[in-house]
Amino acid sequence: MRIVDAPKLVGDWRGQYVRSNIKMQNSAAILPAGTVFKVGSTGIVKYLNSKPCICCGVAVVISFKCARAVFERDFDFIALDGEGW
């Protein structure tokens, strides 16, 4: 896994992989910094889909409402380099 540059257009973020630099939570789960997500939708609100848990198979969707600069501070865009989802 390696860090890559974010696509220039926010609309092109859909389908990209990101790694969180912060702890994330919703009403169902708390995910530690370093969790890998796939960007499901973009715009003001980004929907992030987590990789399923290896123990129970649960995957979490978290919505993240922020400006581009905040998102790029809190997440690193990554390339999985054959590691698979």
PDB file of N, CA and C in Angstrom:
ATOM      1  N   MET A   1       0.850  -1.166   0.000  1.00  0.00           N
ATOM      2  CA  MET A   1       0.000   0.000   0.000  1.00  0.00           C
ATOM      3  C   MET A   1       0.900   1.236   0.000  1.00  0.00           C
ATOM      4  N   ARG A   2       0.604   2.159  -0.918  1.00  0.00           N
ATOM      5  CA  ARG A   2       1.414   3.376  -0.984  1.00  0.00           C
ATOM      6  C   ARG A   2       0.498   4.584  -1.136  1.00  0.00           C
ATOM      7  N   ILE A   3       0.971   5.722  -0.657  1.00  0.00           N
ATOM      8  CA  ILE A   3       0.215   6.961  -0.746  1.00  0.00           C
ATOM      9  C   ILE A   3       0.365   7.540  -2.150  1.00  0.00           C
ATOM     10  N   VAL A   4      -0.750   7.987  -2.708  1.00  0.00           N
ATOM     11  CA  VAL A   4      -0.765   8.597  -4.042  1.00  0.00           C
ATOM     12  C   VAL A   4      -1.441   9.957  -3.944  1.00  0.00           C
ATOM     13  N   ASP A   5      -1.294  10.770  -4.973  1.00  0.00           N
ATOM     14  CA  ASP A   5      -1.946  12.071  -5.017  1.00  0.00           C
ATOM     15  C   ASP A   5      -3.451  11.911  -5.230  1.00  0.00           C
ATOM     16  N   ALA A   6      -4.212  12.793  -4.627  1.00  0.00           N
ATOM     17  CA  ALA A   6      -5.668  12.804  -4.831  1.00  0.00           C
ATOM     18  C   ALA A   6      -5.965  13.260  -6.252  1.00  0.00           C
ATOM     19  N   PRO A   7      -6.986  12.669  -6.886  1.00  0.00           N
ATOM     20  CA  PRO A   7      -7.403  13.190  -8.192  1.00  0.00           C
ATOM     21  C   PRO A   7      -7.767  14.673  -8.067  1.00  0.00           C
ATOM     22  N   LYS A   8      -7.519  15.437  -9.115  1.00  0.00           N
ATOM     23  CA  LYS A   8      -7.755  16.885  -9.069  1.00  0.00           C
ATOM     24  C   LYS A   8      -9.220  17.239  -8.871  1.00  0.00           C
ATOM     25  N   LEU A   9     -10.127  16.493  -9.504  1.00  0.00           N
ATOM     26  CA  LEU A   9     -11.559  16.757  -9.381  1.00  0.00           C
ATOM     27  C   LEU A   9     -12.157  15.878  -8.293  1.00  0.00           C
ATOM     28  N   VAL A  10     -12.905  16.487  -7.378  1.00  0.00           N
ATOM     29  CA  VAL A  10     -13.532  15.730  -6.295  1.00  0.00           C
ATOM     30  C   VAL A  10     -14.453  14.650  -6.855  1.00  0.00           C
ATOM     31  N   GLY A  11     -15.103  14.921  -7.970  1.00  0.00           N
ATOM     32  CA  GLY A  11     -15.968  13.927  -8.600  1.00  0.00           C
ATOM     33  C   GLY A  11     -15.226  12.670  -9.020  1.00  0.00           C
ATOM     34  N   ASP A  12     -13.919  12.776  -9.226  1.00  0.00           N
ATOM     35  CA  ASP A  12     -13.107  11.619  -9.615  1.00  0.00           C
ATOM     36  C   ASP A  12     -12.664  10.800  -8.413  1.00  0.00           C
ATOM     37  N   TRP A  13     -13.017  11.215  -7.208  1.00  0.00           N
ATOM     38  CA  TRP A  13     -12.637  10.463  -6.003  1.00  0.00           C
ATOM     39  C   TRP A  13     -13.433   9.178  -5.857  1.00  0.00           C
ATOM     40  N   ARG A  14     -14.632   9.102  -6.467  1.00  0.00           N
ATOM     41  CA  ARG A  14     -15.468   7.899  -6.348  1.00  0.00           C
ATOM     42  C   ARG A  14     -14.681   6.678  -6.825  1.00  0.00           C
ATOM     43  N   GLY A  15     -14.671   5.643  -5.998  1.00  0.00           N
ATOM     44  CA  GLY A  15     -13.970   4.409  -6.326  1.00  0.00           C
ATOM     45  C   GLY A  15     -12.518   4.380  -5.870  1.00  0.00           C
ATOM     46  N   GLN A  16     -12.003   5.501  -5.386  1.00  0.00           N
ATOM     47  CA  GLN A  16     -10.627   5.566  -4.894  1.00  0.00           C
ATOM     48  C   GLN A  16     -10.553   5.002  -3.470  1.00  0.00           C
ATOM     49  N   TYR A  17      -9.362   4.573  -3.080  1.00  0.00           N
ATOM     50  CA  TYR A  17      -9.146   4.059  -1.729  1.00  0.00           C
ATOM     51  C   TYR A  17      -8.444   5.118  -0.894  1.00  0.00           C
ATOM     52  N   VAL A  18      -8.890   5.245   0.360  1.00  0.00           N
ATOM     53  CA  VAL A  18      -8.295   6.203   1.285  1.00  0.00           C
ATOM     54  C   VAL A  18      -8.022   5.513   2.619  1.00  0.00           C
ATOM     55  N   ARG A  19      -7.032   6.029   3.331  1.00  0.00           N
ATOM     56  CA  ARG A  19      -6.712   5.539   4.683  1.00  0.00           C
ATOM     57  C   ARG A  19      -6.904   6.706   5.639  1.00  0.00           C
ATOM     58  N   SER A  20      -7.655   6.474   6.716  1.00  0.00           N
ATOM     59  CA  SER A  20      -7.945   7.555   7.661  1.00  0.00           C
ATOM     60  C   SER A  20      -6.733   7.878   8.522  1.00  0.00           C
ATOM     61  N   ASN A  21      -6.582   9.150   8.817  1.00  0.00           N
ATOM     62  CA  ASN A  21      -5.547   9.612   9.738  1.00  0.00           C
ATOM     63  C   ASN A  21      -6.142   9.912  11.110  1.00  0.00           C
ATOM     64  N   ILE A  22      -7.453   9.720  11.235  1.00  0.00           N
ATOM     65  CA  ILE A  22      -8.167  10.011  12.471  1.00  0.00           C
ATOM     66  C   ILE A  22      -9.087   8.843  12.814  1.00  0.00           C
ATOM     67  N   LYS A  23      -9.492   8.764  14.082  1.00  0.00           N
ATOM     68  CA  LYS A  23     -10.488   7.785  14.494  1.00  0.00           C
ATOM     69  C   LYS A  23     -11.836   8.232  13.934  1.00  0.00           C
ATOM     70  N   MET A  24     -12.618   7.298  13.415  1.00  0.00           N
ATOM     71  CA  MET A  24     -13.929   7.609  12.838  1.00  0.00           C
ATOM     72  C   MET A  24     -14.981   6.808  13.589  1.00  0.00           C
ATOM     73  N   GLN A  25     -16.183   7.375  13.701  1.00  0.00           N
ATOM     74  CA  GLN A  25     -17.266   6.612  14.310  1.00  0.00           C
ATOM     75  C   GLN A  25     -18.610   7.029  13.750  1.00  0.00           C
ATOM     76  N   ASN A  26     -19.538   6.088  13.814  1.00  0.00           N
ATOM     77  CA  ASN A  26     -20.939   6.370  13.534  1.00  0.00           C
ATOM     78  C   ASN A  26     -21.737   5.682  14.630  1.00  0.00           C
ATOM     79  N   SER A  27     -23.036   5.567  14.468  1.00  0.00           N
ATOM     80  CA  SER A  27     -23.850   4.972  15.529  1.00  0.00           C
ATOM     81  C   SER A  27     -23.623   3.471  15.685  1.00  0.00           C
ATOM     82  N   ALA A  28     -22.964   2.845  14.734  1.00  0.00           N
ATOM     83  CA  ALA A  28     -22.767   1.398  14.786  1.00  0.00           C
ATOM     84  C   ALA A  28     -21.355   0.962  15.174  1.00  0.00           C
ATOM     85  N   ALA A  29     -20.358   1.797  14.928  1.00  0.00           N
ATOM     86  CA  ALA A  29     -18.987   1.329  15.125  1.00  0.00           C
ATOM     87  C   ALA A  29     -18.023   2.484  15.336  1.00  0.00           C
ATOM     88  N   ILE A  30     -16.892   2.154  15.938  1.00  0.00           N
ATOM     89  CA  ILE A  30     -15.762   3.066  16.057  1.00  0.00           C
ATOM     90  C   ILE A  30     -14.614   2.420  15.303  1.00  0.00           C
ATOM     91  N   LEU A  31     -14.037   3.149  14.354  1.00  0.00           N
ATOM     92  CA  LEU A  31     -12.955   2.616  13.536  1.00  0.00           C
ATOM     93  C   LEU A  31     -11.675   3.404  13.828  1.00  0.00           C
ATOM     94  N   PRO A  32     -10.569   2.705  14.057  1.00  0.00           N
ATOM     95  CA  PRO A  32      -9.324   3.384  14.418  1.00  0.00           C
ATOM     96  C   PRO A  32      -8.693   4.105  13.230  1.00  0.00           C
ATOM     97  N   ALA A  33      -7.811   5.048  13.537  1.00  0.00           N
ATOM     98  CA  ALA A  33      -7.001   5.668  12.489  1.00  0.00           C
ATOM     99  C   ALA A  33      -6.272   4.554  11.749  1.00  0.00           C
ATOM    100  N   GLY A  34      -6.118   4.703  10.451  1.00  0.00           N
ATOM    101  CA  GLY A  34      -5.467   3.677   9.636  1.00  0.00           C
ATOM    102  C   GLY A  34      -6.444   2.761   8.928  1.00  0.00           C
ATOM    103  N   THR A  35      -7.745   2.918   9.198  1.00  0.00           N
ATOM    104  CA  THR A  35      -8.760   2.106   8.524  1.00  0.00           C
ATOM    105  C   THR A  35      -8.808   2.489   7.047  1.00  0.00           C
ATOM    106  N   VAL A  36      -8.919   1.489   6.185  1.00  0.00           N
ATOM    107  CA  VAL A  36      -8.992   1.716   4.741  1.00  0.00           C
ATOM    108  C   VAL A  36     -10.454   1.756   4.322  1.00  0.00           C
ATOM    109  N   PHE A  37     -10.788   2.744   3.505  1.00  0.00           N
ATOM    110  CA  PHE A  37     -12.137   2.922   2.986  1.00  0.00           C
ATOM    111  C   PHE A  37     -12.081   3.040   1.469  1.00  0.00           C
ATOM    112  N   LYS A  38     -13.203   2.695   0.838  1.00  0.00           N
ATOM    113  CA  LYS A  38     -13.396   2.973  -0.586  1.00  0.00           C
ATOM    114  C   LYS A  38     -14.401   4.111  -0.661  1.00  0.00           C
ATOM    115  N   VAL A  39     -14.080   5.160  -1.404  1.00  0.00           N
ATOM    116  CA  VAL A  39     -14.966   6.305  -1.527  1.00  0.00           C
ATOM    117  C   VAL A  39     -16.153   5.912  -2.398  1.00  0.00           C
ATOM    118  N   GLY A  40     -17.359   5.972  -1.796  1.00  0.00           N
ATOM    119  CA  GLY A  40     -18.560   5.535  -2.499  1.00  0.00           C
ATOM    120  C   GLY A  40     -19.283   6.654  -3.210  1.00  0.00           C
ATOM    121  N   SER A  41     -19.182   7.860  -2.702  1.00  0.00           N
ATOM    122  CA  SER A  41     -19.818   8.999  -3.338  1.00  0.00           C
ATOM    123  C   SER A  41     -19.095  10.256  -2.912  1.00  0.00           C
ATOM    124  N   THR A  42     -19.205  11.283  -3.722  1.00  0.00           N
ATOM    125  CA  THR A  42     -18.438  12.496  -3.476  1.00  0.00           C
ATOM    126  C   THR A  42     -19.344  13.714  -3.492  1.00  0.00           C
ATOM    127  N   GLY A  43     -18.780  14.838  -3.233  1.00  0.00           N
ATOM    128  CA  GLY A  43     -19.509  16.093  -3.129  1.00  0.00           C
ATOM    129  C   GLY A  43     -19.225  16.670  -1.756  1.00  0.00           C
ATOM    130  N   ILE A  44     -20.134  17.459  -1.227  1.00  0.00           N
ATOM    131  CA  ILE A  44     -19.951  17.996   0.120  1.00  0.00           C
ATOM    132  C   ILE A  44     -19.890  16.841   1.126  1.00  0.00           C
ATOM    133  N   VAL A  45     -20.787  15.859   0.976  1.00  0.00           N
ATOM    134  CA  VAL A  45     -20.791  14.688   1.852  1.00  0.00           C
ATOM    135  C   VAL A  45     -20.149  13.528   1.104  1.00  0.00           C
ATOM    136  N   LYS A  46     -19.105  12.967   1.700  1.00  0.00           N
ATOM    137  CA  LYS A  46     -18.457  11.791   1.120  1.00  0.00           C
ATOM    138  C   LYS A  46     -18.944  10.569   1.886  1.00  0.00           C
ATOM    139  N   TYR A  47     -19.325   9.502   1.183  1.00  0.00           N
ATOM    140  CA  TYR A  47     -19.698   8.248   1.823  1.00  0.00           C
ATOM    141  C   TYR A  47     -18.527   7.292   1.673  1.00  0.00           C
ATOM    142  N   LEU A  48     -18.058   6.794   2.797  1.00  0.00           N
ATOM    143  CA  LEU A  48     -16.878   5.939   2.833  1.00  0.00           C
ATOM    144  C   LEU A  48     -17.276   4.542   3.265  1.00  0.00           C
ATOM    145  N   ASN A  49     -16.918   3.542   2.464  1.00  0.00           N
ATOM    146  CA  ASN A  49     -17.243   2.151   2.747  1.00  0.00           C
ATOM    147  C   ASN A  49     -15.997   1.452   3.278  1.00  0.00           C
ATOM    148  N   SER A  50     -16.105   0.878   4.480  1.00  0.00           N
ATOM    149  CA  SER A  50     -14.943   0.193   5.054  1.00  0.00           C
ATOM    150  C   SER A  50     -14.798  -1.201   4.457  1.00  0.00           C
ATOM    151  N   LYS A  51     -13.619  -1.724   4.574  1.00  0.00           N
ATOM    152  CA  LYS A  51     -13.361  -3.107   4.206  1.00  0.00           C
ATOM    153  C   LYS A  51     -14.069  -3.990   5.243  1.00  0.00           C
ATOM    154  N   PRO A  52     -14.673  -5.109   4.824  1.00  0.00           N
ATOM    155  CA  PRO A  52     -15.348  -5.967   5.802  1.00  0.00           C
ATOM    156  C   PRO A  52     -14.378  -6.493   6.860  1.00  0.00           C
ATOM    157  N   CYS A  53     -14.882  -6.616   8.089  1.00  0.00           N
ATOM    158  CA  CYS A  53     -14.102  -7.160   9.192  1.00  0.00           C
ATOM    159  C   CYS A  53     -13.726  -8.612   8.893  1.00  0.00           C
ATOM    160  N   ILE A  54     -12.489  -8.983   9.177  1.00  0.00           N
ATOM    161  CA  ILE A  54     -12.051 -10.359   8.893  1.00  0.00           C
ATOM    162  C   ILE A  54     -12.662 -11.365   9.869  1.00  0.00           C
ATOM    163  N   CYS A  55     -13.141 -10.908  11.016  1.00  0.00           N
ATOM    164  CA  CYS A  55     -13.743 -11.809  12.009  1.00  0.00           C
ATOM    165  C   CYS A  55     -15.232 -12.049  11.757  1.00  0.00           C
ATOM    166  N   CYS A  56     -15.989 -10.959  11.532  1.00  0.00           N
ATOM    167  CA  CYS A  56     -17.443 -11.096  11.449  1.00  0.00           C
ATOM    168  C   CYS A  56     -18.032 -10.705  10.102  1.00  0.00           C
ATOM    169  N   GLY A  57     -17.240 -10.087   9.235  1.00  0.00           N
ATOM    170  CA  GLY A  57     -17.714  -9.715   7.906  1.00  0.00           C
ATOM    171  C   GLY A  57     -18.498  -8.421   7.828  1.00  0.00           C
ATOM    172  N   VAL A  58     -18.660  -7.726   8.952  1.00  0.00           N
ATOM    173  CA  VAL A  58     -19.414  -6.476   8.951  1.00  0.00           C
ATOM    174  C   VAL A  58     -18.604  -5.382   8.265  1.00  0.00           C
ATOM    175  N   ALA A  59     -19.249  -4.647   7.380  1.00  0.00           N
ATOM    176  CA  ALA A  59     -18.649  -3.490   6.732  1.00  0.00           C
ATOM    177  C   ALA A  59     -19.441  -2.260   7.165  1.00  0.00           C
ATOM    178  N   VAL A  60     -18.759  -1.159   7.346  1.00  0.00           N
ATOM    179  CA  VAL A  60     -19.387   0.055   7.861  1.00  0.00           C
ATOM    180  C   VAL A  60     -19.352   1.132   6.782  1.00  0.00           C
ATOM    181  N   VAL A  61     -20.446   1.899   6.689  1.00  0.00           N
ATOM    182  CA  VAL A  61     -20.501   3.066   5.817  1.00  0.00           C
ATOM    183  C   VAL A  61     -20.530   4.297   6.713  1.00  0.00           C
ATOM    184  N   ILE A  62     -19.602   5.208   6.477  1.00  0.00           N
ATOM    185  CA  ILE A  62     -19.530   6.441   7.250  1.00  0.00           C
ATOM    186  C   ILE A  62     -19.664   7.617   6.298  1.00  0.00           C
ATOM    187  N   SER A  63     -20.506   8.571   6.672  1.00  0.00           N
ATOM    188  CA  SER A  63     -20.601   9.794   5.884  1.00  0.00           C
ATOM    189  C   SER A  63     -19.692  10.830   6.527  1.00  0.00           C
ATOM    190  N   PHE A  64     -19.001  11.585   5.687  1.00  0.00           N
ATOM    191  CA  PHE A  64     -18.021  12.557   6.152  1.00  0.00           C
ATOM    192  C   PHE A  64     -18.299  13.853   5.414  1.00  0.00           C
ATOM    193  N   LYS A  65     -18.821  14.847   6.127  1.00  0.00           N
ATOM    194  CA  LYS A  65     -19.185  16.121   5.508  1.00  0.00           C
ATOM    195  C   LYS A  65     -18.076  17.131   5.782  1.00  0.00           C
ATOM    196  N   CYS A  66     -17.424  17.584   4.712  1.00  0.00           N
ATOM    197  CA  CYS A  66     -16.307  18.512   4.895  1.00  0.00           C
ATOM    198  C   CYS A  66     -15.877  19.099   3.557  1.00  0.00           C
ATOM    199  N   ALA A  67     -15.026  20.091   3.645  1.00  0.00           N
ATOM    200  CA  ALA A  67     -14.407  20.679   2.461  1.00  0.00           C
ATOM    201  C   ALA A  67     -13.248  19.793   2.005  1.00  0.00           C
ATOM    202  N   ARG A  68     -12.830  19.989   0.792  1.00  0.00           N
ATOM    203  CA  ARG A  68     -11.733  19.216   0.208  1.00  0.00           C
ATOM    204  C   ARG A  68     -10.474  19.273   1.068  1.00  0.00           C
ATOM    205  N   ALA A  69     -10.093  20.450   1.531  1.00  0.00           N
ATOM    206  CA  ALA A  69      -8.860  20.603   2.314  1.00  0.00           C
ATOM    207  C   ALA A  69      -8.910  19.788   3.605  1.00  0.00           C
ATOM    208  N   VAL A  70     -10.064  19.756   4.241  1.00  0.00           N
ATOM    209  CA  VAL A  70     -10.216  18.984   5.476  1.00  0.00           C
ATOM    210  C   VAL A  70     -10.108  17.488   5.172  1.00  0.00           C
ATOM    211  N   PHE A  71     -10.771  17.045   4.100  1.00  0.00           N
ATOM    212  CA  PHE A  71     -10.713  15.624   3.728  1.00  0.00           C
ATOM    213  C   PHE A  71      -9.270  15.214   3.439  1.00  0.00           C
ATOM    214  N   GLU A  72      -8.551  16.032   2.691  1.00  0.00           N
ATOM    215  CA  GLU A  72      -7.164  15.693   2.348  1.00  0.00           C
ATOM    216  C   GLU A  72      -6.249  15.737   3.571  1.00  0.00           C
ATOM    217  N   ARG A  73      -6.632  16.466   4.612  1.00  0.00           N
ATOM    218  CA  ARG A  73      -5.861  16.464   5.860  1.00  0.00           C
ATOM    219  C   ARG A  73      -6.115  15.177   6.651  1.00  0.00           C
ATOM    220  N   ASP A  74      -7.379  14.718   6.643  1.00  0.00           N
ATOM    221  CA  ASP A  74      -7.774  13.589   7.485  1.00  0.00           C
ATOM    222  C   ASP A  74      -7.644  12.232   6.806  1.00  0.00           C
ATOM    223  N   PHE A  75      -7.390  12.215   5.492  1.00  0.00           N
ATOM    224  CA  PHE A  75      -7.279  10.955   4.746  1.00  0.00           C
ATOM    225  C   PHE A  75      -6.114  11.017   3.776  1.00  0.00           C
ATOM    226  N   ASP A  76      -5.466   9.874   3.586  1.00  0.00           N
ATOM    227  CA  ASP A  76      -4.446   9.715   2.546  1.00  0.00           C
ATOM    228  C   ASP A  76      -5.044   8.866   1.441  1.00  0.00           C
ATOM    229  N   PHE A  77      -4.923   9.291   0.205  1.00  0.00           N
ATOM    230  CA  PHE A  77      -5.305   8.458  -0.920  1.00  0.00           C
ATOM    231  C   PHE A  77      -4.225   7.406  -1.088  1.00  0.00           C
ATOM    232  N   ILE A  78      -4.645   6.168  -1.326  1.00  0.00           N
ATOM    233  CA  ILE A  78      -3.673   5.066  -1.400  1.00  0.00           C
ATOM    234  C   ILE A  78      -3.917   4.212  -2.636  1.00  0.00           C
ATOM    235  N   ALA A  79      -2.869   3.522  -3.049  1.00  0.00           N
ATOM    236  CA  ALA A  79      -2.950   2.495  -4.079  1.00  0.00           C
ATOM    237  C   ALA A  79      -2.698   1.170  -3.371  1.00  0.00           C
ATOM    238  N   LEU A  80      -3.526   0.188  -3.627  1.00  0.00           N
ATOM    239  CA  LEU A  80      -3.411  -1.085  -2.915  1.00  0.00           C
ATOM    240  C   LEU A  80      -2.315  -1.982  -3.471  1.00  0.00           C
ATOM    241  N   ASP A  81      -1.834  -1.726  -4.682  1.00  0.00           N
ATOM    242  CA  ASP A  81      -0.721  -2.486  -5.278  1.00  0.00           C
ATOM    243  C   ASP A  81      -0.904  -3.999  -5.187  1.00  0.00           C
ATOM    244  N   GLY A  82      -2.061  -4.477  -5.641  1.00  0.00           N
ATOM    245  CA  GLY A  82      -2.298  -5.912  -5.693  1.00  0.00           C
ATOM    246  C   GLY A  82      -2.695  -6.536  -4.368  1.00  0.00           C
ATOM    247  N   GLU A  83      -2.874  -5.741  -3.331  1.00  0.00           N
ATOM    248  CA  GLU A  83      -3.254  -6.298  -2.031  1.00  0.00           C
ATOM    249  C   GLU A  83      -4.715  -6.703  -2.006  1.00  0.00           C
ATOM    250  N   GLY A  84      -5.507  -6.200  -2.943  1.00  0.00           N
ATOM    251  CA  GLY A  84      -6.910  -6.554  -3.022  1.00  0.00           C
ATOM    252  C   GLY A  84      -7.753  -5.856  -1.985  1.00  0.00           C
ATOM    253  N   TRP A  85      -9.008  -5.844  -2.221  1.00  0.00           N
ATOM    254  CA  TRP A  85      -9.942  -5.192  -1.316  1.00  0.00           C
ATOM    255  C   TRP A  85     -10.435  -6.249  -0.415  1.00  0.00           C
TER     256      TRP A  85
END
